[in-house]
Amino acid sequence: MLDDEYFMRQALQEAHVAFDMGEVPVGAVIVSNQRIIARAHNLTETLTDVTAHAEMQAITSAANVMGGKYLTDCTLYVTVEPCPMCAGALRWAQISRIVYGAPDEKRGYSRVSAHLLHPKTTVTTGIMADDCADLMKLFFARFR
């Protein structure tokens, strides 16, 4: 059985793709029944779209695979804590579980309210947090 660290490594691979593109390195995968059904990374610069966060891209892709807008039996793995916009979208999608690596001290949803998520959504934090945070630090040191 694949574990949280395995799937976070997959999300981290997506974050590296974003890094290589000059995008803020956030990566995400959505899993259903131990199978990755969506992979995504930030595309805000590429698409000149402030809503093109990794989580938003992954939600759209997963909904297409699932054939509906609800992701009630799915887990999102994302390298950095979702922002309030993404938390709201995840609430509407009714995702069952969110696993994130590094907290976002400035823009994470929990800075606003943990209640942005669906009441049935469970959250696991800190999976590969150092690896996820280190990639973000490297990006901002190099590109900004």
Protein backbone atom coordinates (compact mmCIF):
# COMPACT_ATOMS: atom_id res chain seq x y z
CA MET A 1 0.00 0.00 0.00
CA LEU A 2 1.39 3.39 -0.98
CA ASP A 3 1.75 5.94 1.81
CA ASP A 4 1.56 9.71 2.28
CA GLU A 5 5.28 10.15 1.70
CA TYR A 6 5.09 8.35 -1.66
CA PHE A 7 2.31 10.62 -2.90
CA MET A 8 3.98 13.76 -1.51
CA ARG A 9 7.10 12.81 -3.50
CA GLN A 10 4.89 12.79 -6.59
CA ALA A 11 3.59 16.27 -5.71
CA LEU A 12 7.17 17.42 -5.13
CA GLN A 13 8.08 16.22 -8.64
CA GLU A 14 5.34 18.53 -9.96
CA ALA A 15 6.75 21.37 -7.85
CA HIS A 16 10.14 20.82 -9.50
CA VAL A 17 8.49 21.10 -12.92
CA ALA A 18 7.04 24.45 -11.85
CA PHE A 19 10.46 25.55 -10.53
CA ASP A 20 12.10 24.71 -13.85
CA MET A 21 9.45 26.81 -15.63
CA GLY A 22 10.05 29.82 -13.37
CA GLU A 23 6.73 29.29 -11.61
CA VAL A 24 6.38 29.37 -7.84
CA PRO A 25 7.18 25.71 -7.08
CA VAL A 26 3.95 24.26 -5.79
CA GLY A 27 2.94 20.81 -6.94
CA ALA A 28 -0.17 18.75 -6.35
CA VAL A 29 -1.58 15.31 -7.00
CA ILE A 30 -5.05 13.98 -6.32
CA VAL A 31 -5.43 10.34 -5.37
CA SER A 32 -8.46 8.06 -5.47
CA ASN A 33 -8.25 4.41 -4.38
CA GLN A 34 -4.45 4.54 -4.16
CA ARG A 35 -4.23 5.80 -7.78
CA ILE A 36 -3.12 9.24 -8.92
CA ILE A 37 -5.95 10.69 -10.99
CA ALA A 38 -4.55 14.23 -11.38
CA ARG A 39 -1.13 15.89 -11.41
CA ALA A 40 -0.59 19.62 -11.52
CA HIS A 41 1.75 22.48 -10.71
CA ASN A 42 1.45 26.25 -10.59
CA LEU A 43 0.85 27.86 -13.98
CA THR A 44 0.05 31.44 -12.94
CA GLU A 45 2.93 32.99 -14.92
CA THR A 46 2.56 30.71 -17.94
CA LEU A 47 -1.17 31.34 -18.26
CA THR A 48 -1.08 34.90 -16.86
CA ASP A 49 -3.89 33.76 -14.58
CA VAL A 50 -3.82 34.38 -10.83
CA THR A 51 -6.20 31.44 -10.32
CA ALA A 52 -3.92 28.89 -12.01
CA HIS A 53 -2.62 27.46 -8.74
CA ALA A 54 -1.56 23.81 -8.62
CA GLU A 55 -4.59 22.88 -6.51
CA MET A 56 -7.04 24.53 -8.91
CA GLN A 57 -5.46 22.79 -11.89
CA ALA A 58 -5.59 19.46 -10.05
CA ILE A 59 -9.24 19.90 -9.02
CA THR A 60 -10.29 20.52 -12.62
CA SER A 61 -8.32 17.55 -13.90
CA ALA A 62 -9.59 15.20 -11.16
CA ALA A 63 -13.21 16.26 -11.71
CA ASN A 64 -12.84 15.38 -15.39
CA VAL A 65 -11.46 11.96 -14.50
CA MET A 66 -14.17 11.34 -11.89
CA GLY A 67 -16.92 12.54 -14.20
CA GLY A 68 -18.34 14.97 -11.65
CA LYS A 69 -17.54 18.00 -9.56
CA TYR A 70 -17.31 16.27 -6.18
CA LEU A 71 -14.10 14.67 -4.98
CA THR A 72 -15.54 13.07 -1.87
CA ASP A 73 -13.38 9.94 -2.01
CA CYS A 74 -10.16 11.70 -2.94
CA THR A 75 -7.03 12.99 -1.23
CA LEU A 76 -5.10 16.06 -2.35
CA TYR A 77 -1.35 16.02 -1.77
CA VAL A 78 0.15 19.48 -2.13
CA THR A 79 3.63 20.69 -1.30
CA VAL A 80 2.53 23.93 0.38
CA GLU A 81 -0.53 24.78 2.47
CA PRO A 82 -3.39 25.89 0.19
CA CYS A 83 -4.33 29.56 0.05
CA PRO A 84 -7.87 30.72 0.95
CA MET A 85 -8.95 30.65 -2.72
CA CYS A 86 -7.86 27.04 -3.13
CA ALA A 87 -9.32 26.08 0.26
CA GLY A 88 -12.67 27.47 -0.90
CA ALA A 89 -12.50 25.47 -4.13
CA LEU A 90 -11.56 22.35 -2.17
CA ARG A 91 -14.56 22.98 0.07
CA TRP A 92 -16.88 23.17 -2.94
CA ALA A 93 -15.32 19.99 -4.33
CA GLN A 94 -15.95 18.32 -0.96
CA ILE A 95 -12.52 16.68 -1.01
CA SER A 96 -12.19 14.08 1.73
CA ARG A 97 -8.61 14.72 2.76
CA ILE A 98 -5.81 17.22 2.26
CA VAL A 99 -2.17 16.42 2.95
CA TYR A 100 0.31 19.27 2.69
CA GLY A 101 4.01 19.59 3.25
CA ALA A 102 5.10 23.07 4.29
CA PRO A 103 2.90 25.65 5.97
CA ASP A 104 2.44 28.99 4.24
CA GLU A 105 3.12 31.51 6.98
CA LYS A 106 1.90 34.47 4.91
CA ARG A 107 -0.88 33.22 2.63
CA GLY A 108 -2.08 29.86 3.94
CA TYR A 109 -5.79 29.29 4.46
CA SER A 110 -5.31 28.54 8.16
CA ARG A 111 -4.16 32.16 8.69
CA VAL A 112 -7.70 33.19 7.73
CA SER A 113 -9.77 30.31 9.10
CA ALA A 114 -9.59 26.54 9.28
CA HIS A 115 -13.33 26.64 8.57
CA LEU A 116 -12.73 27.46 4.91
CA LEU A 117 -12.55 23.71 4.24
CA HIS A 118 -15.55 21.37 4.09
CA PRO A 119 -16.50 20.20 7.60
CA LYS A 120 -15.83 16.55 6.65
CA THR A 121 -12.38 17.23 5.17
CA THR A 122 -9.48 15.93 7.24
CA VAL A 123 -6.05 17.54 7.09
CA THR A 124 -2.59 16.08 7.59
CA THR A 125 0.36 18.48 7.70
CA GLY A 126 4.12 18.28 7.71
CA ILE A 127 4.70 15.41 5.27
CA MET A 128 8.15 16.09 3.81
CA ALA A 129 7.82 19.65 5.10
CA ASP A 130 11.55 20.41 4.97
CA ASP A 131 11.91 19.28 1.35
CA CYS A 132 8.86 21.31 0.33
CA ALA A 133 9.98 24.43 2.22
CA ASP A 134 13.56 24.16 0.94
CA LEU A 135 12.38 24.21 -2.68
CA MET A 136 10.32 27.34 -2.01
CA LYS A 137 13.27 29.05 -0.29
CA LEU A 138 15.56 28.16 -3.18
CA PHE A 139 13.07 29.55 -5.69
CA PHE A 140 12.66 32.88 -3.91
CA ALA A 141 16.42 33.22 -3.34
CA ARG A 142 17.11 32.55 -7.01
CA PHE A 143 14.24 34.25 -8.83
CA ARG A 144 12.98 37.07 -6.64
